[in-house]
C-alpha atoms as a PDB file:
ATOM      1  CA  MET A   1     -18.621 -12.261 -10.698  1.00  0.00           C
ATOM      2  CA  SER A   2     -15.247 -13.453  -9.947  1.00  0.00           C
ATOM      3  CA  ARG A   3     -13.286 -11.749  -7.371  1.00  0.00           C
ATOM      4  CA  HIS A   4      -9.863 -12.597  -5.682  1.00  0.00           C
ATOM      5  CA  LEU A   5      -7.805 -11.478  -3.241  1.00  0.00           C
ATOM      6  CA  HIS A   6      -4.192 -10.601  -3.854  1.00  0.00           C
ATOM      7  CA  LEU A   7      -1.147  -9.283  -2.597  1.00  0.00           C
ATOM      8  CA  ARG A   8       0.278  -6.189  -4.592  1.00  0.00           C
ATOM      9  CA  SER A   9       3.503  -5.247  -3.892  1.00  0.00           C
ATOM     10  CA  LYS A  10       5.507  -2.083  -4.248  1.00  0.00           C
ATOM     11  CA  ARG A  11       9.250  -1.578  -4.828  1.00  0.00           C
ATOM     12  CA  PRO A  12       9.977   2.002  -4.792  1.00  0.00           C
ATOM     13  CA  PHE A  13      13.535   2.982  -5.891  1.00  0.00           C
ATOM     14  CA  LEU A  14      14.678   5.300  -2.943  1.00  0.00           C
ATOM     15  CA  GLY A  15      18.399   5.756  -4.001  1.00  0.00           C
ATOM     16  CA  ARG A  16      21.920   4.335  -4.283  1.00  0.00           C
ATOM     17  CA  ASN A  17      24.489   3.135  -1.526  1.00  0.00           C
ATOM     18  CA  ASN A  18      27.542   4.306  -3.106  1.00  0.00           C
ATOM     19  CA  LEU A  19      29.871   2.570  -0.190  1.00  0.00           C
ATOM     20  CA  LEU A  20      28.220  -0.972  -0.901  1.00  0.00           C
ATOM     21  CA  ASP A  21      27.501   0.088  -4.662  1.00  0.00           C
ATOM     22  CA  ILE A  22      23.719  -1.389  -4.078  1.00  0.00           C
ATOM     23  CA  LYS A  23      20.398   0.308  -4.898  1.00  0.00           C
ATOM     24  CA  VAL A  24      18.111   0.782  -2.075  1.00  0.00           C
ATOM     25  CA  LYS A  25      14.666  -0.222  -2.572  1.00  0.00           C
ATOM     26  CA  SER A  26      11.637  -0.145   0.012  1.00  0.00           C
ATOM     27  CA  TYR A  27       9.340  -3.041   0.021  1.00  0.00           C
ATOM     28  CA  LYS A  28       5.844  -2.621   0.838  1.00  0.00           C
ATOM     29  CA  TYR A  29       2.411  -4.484  -0.067  1.00  0.00           C
ATOM     30  CA  ASP A  30      -1.376  -3.952  -0.137  1.00  0.00           C
ATOM     31  CA  VAL A  31      -4.328  -6.388   0.160  1.00  0.00           C
ATOM     32  CA  VAL A  32      -6.203  -5.840  -2.610  1.00  0.00           C
ATOM     33  CA  LEU A  33      -9.569  -7.339  -4.572  1.00  0.00           C
ATOM     34  CA  LEU A  34      -9.168  -8.247  -8.009  1.00  0.00           C
ATOM     35  CA  ASP A  35     -11.701  -8.995 -10.728  1.00  0.00           C
ATOM     36  CA  LYS A  36     -11.180 -12.019 -13.154  1.00  0.00           C
ATOM     37  CA  ASN A  37      -9.054  -9.851 -15.809  1.00  0.00           C
ATOM     38  CA  GLY A  38      -6.750  -8.909 -12.967  1.00  0.00           C
ATOM     39  CA  GLU A  39      -8.211  -5.201 -12.519  1.00  0.00           C
ATOM     40  CA  VAL A  40      -8.204  -3.839  -9.023  1.00  0.00           C
ATOM     41  CA  LEU A  41     -11.699  -3.468  -7.821  1.00  0.00           C
ATOM     42  CA  LYS A  42     -11.002  -2.374  -4.404  1.00  0.00           C
ATOM     43  CA  TYR A  43      -7.960  -1.378  -1.922  1.00  0.00           C
ATOM     44  CA  LEU A  44      -8.833  -3.206   1.120  1.00  0.00           C
ATOM     45  CA  SER A  45      -5.531  -2.567   3.273  1.00  0.00           C
ATOM     46  CA  GLY A  46      -2.261  -1.256   3.459  1.00  0.00           C
ATOM     47  CA  PRO A  47       0.681  -0.391   2.406  1.00  0.00           C
ATOM     48  CA  PHE A  48       2.520  -2.421   4.854  1.00  0.00           C
ATOM     49  CA  PRO A  49       6.191  -2.606   4.997  1.00  0.00           C
ATOM     50  CA  VAL A  50       7.838  -6.254   4.488  1.00  0.00           C
ATOM     51  CA  SER A  51      11.491  -6.930   4.307  1.00  0.00           C
ATOM     52  CA  PHE A  52      12.563  -9.496   1.650  1.00  0.00           C
ATOM     53  CA  SER A  53      15.973 -11.120   2.409  1.00  0.00           C
ATOM     54  CA  LYS A  54      17.800 -14.580   2.687  1.00  0.00           C
ATOM     55  CA  GLU A  55      17.745 -14.118   6.480  1.00  0.00           C
ATOM     56  CA  LYS A  56      14.349 -12.825   6.871  1.00  0.00           C
ATOM     57  CA  LEU A  57      11.503 -13.425   5.044  1.00  0.00           C
ATOM     58  CA  ARG A  58      11.616 -15.507   1.632  1.00  0.00           C
ATOM     59  CA  LYS A  59       8.022 -15.671   0.890  1.00  0.00           C
ATOM     60  CA  PRO A  60       5.031 -13.234   0.805  1.00  0.00           C
ATOM     61  CA  PRO A  61       2.889 -12.742   3.904  1.00  0.00           C
ATOM     62  CA  ALA A  62      -0.299 -14.953   3.944  1.00  0.00           C
ATOM     63  CA  ILE A  63      -3.415 -13.123   3.131  1.00  0.00           C
ATOM     64  CA  GLU A  64      -5.767 -13.595   6.266  1.00  0.00           C
ATOM     65  CA  ALA A  65      -9.351 -12.596   5.211  1.00  0.00           C
ATOM     66  CA  LYS A  66     -13.011 -14.030   5.304  1.00  0.00           C
ATOM     67  CA  TRP A  67     -16.087 -13.669   3.398  1.00  0.00           C
ATOM     68  CA  ILE A  68     -18.774 -13.003   5.633  1.00  0.00           C
ATOM     69  CA  SER A  69     -21.015 -12.662   3.083  1.00  0.00           C
ATOM     70  CA  PRO A  70     -21.365 -12.045  -0.637  1.00  0.00           C
ATOM     71  CA  GLN A  71     -20.963  -8.341  -0.125  1.00  0.00           C
ATOM     72  CA  LEU A  72     -18.630  -8.261   3.341  1.00  0.00           C
ATOM     73  CA  ILE A  73     -15.052  -9.516   3.748  1.00  0.00           C
ATOM     74  CA  THR A  74     -12.952  -9.172   6.587  1.00  0.00           C
ATOM     75  CA  VAL A  75      -9.098  -8.653   6.567  1.00  0.00           C
ATOM     76  CA  ARG A  76      -6.690  -9.019   8.808  1.00  0.00           C
ATOM     77  CA  ASN A  77      -3.927  -6.399   9.050  1.00  0.00           C
ATOM     78  CA  PRO A  78      -0.276  -6.788  10.663  1.00  0.00           C
ATOM     79  CA  GLY A  79      -1.636  -5.168  13.914  1.00  0.00           C
ATOM     80  CA  LYS A  80      -3.911  -8.476  14.160  1.00  0.00           C
ATOM     81  CA  LYS A  81      -6.971  -6.381  13.953  1.00  0.00           C
ATOM     82  CA  TRP A  82      -9.777  -7.451  11.771  1.00  0.00           C
ATOM     83  CA  GLU A  83     -11.071  -4.830   9.314  1.00  0.00           C
ATOM     84  CA  VAL A  84     -14.591  -5.480   7.335  1.00  0.00           C
ATOM     85  CA  PHE A  85     -15.323  -3.930   4.220  1.00  0.00           C
ATOM     86  CA  LYS A  86     -18.280  -3.470   2.236  1.00  0.00           C
ATOM     87  CA  ILE A  87     -17.755  -4.795  -1.716  1.00  0.00           C
END
């Protein structure tokens, strides 16, 4: 069984800033485990807020994870703590 870690982003529309004439969105991401068809097997951690802009983050954050065994994986969250998940 082929499994892959992936960042799944969410970008819900929050409203509109009429003064600046722009849409207001909130960016968040989850760390998920996918099968070979791209279906989500398990949500591992998140959602975590992230800021995408020219001045700040232009690339997605790195996934910090390690396979401990075929059935266990650890994922480091933005708080720098490791979480262990049974797959």
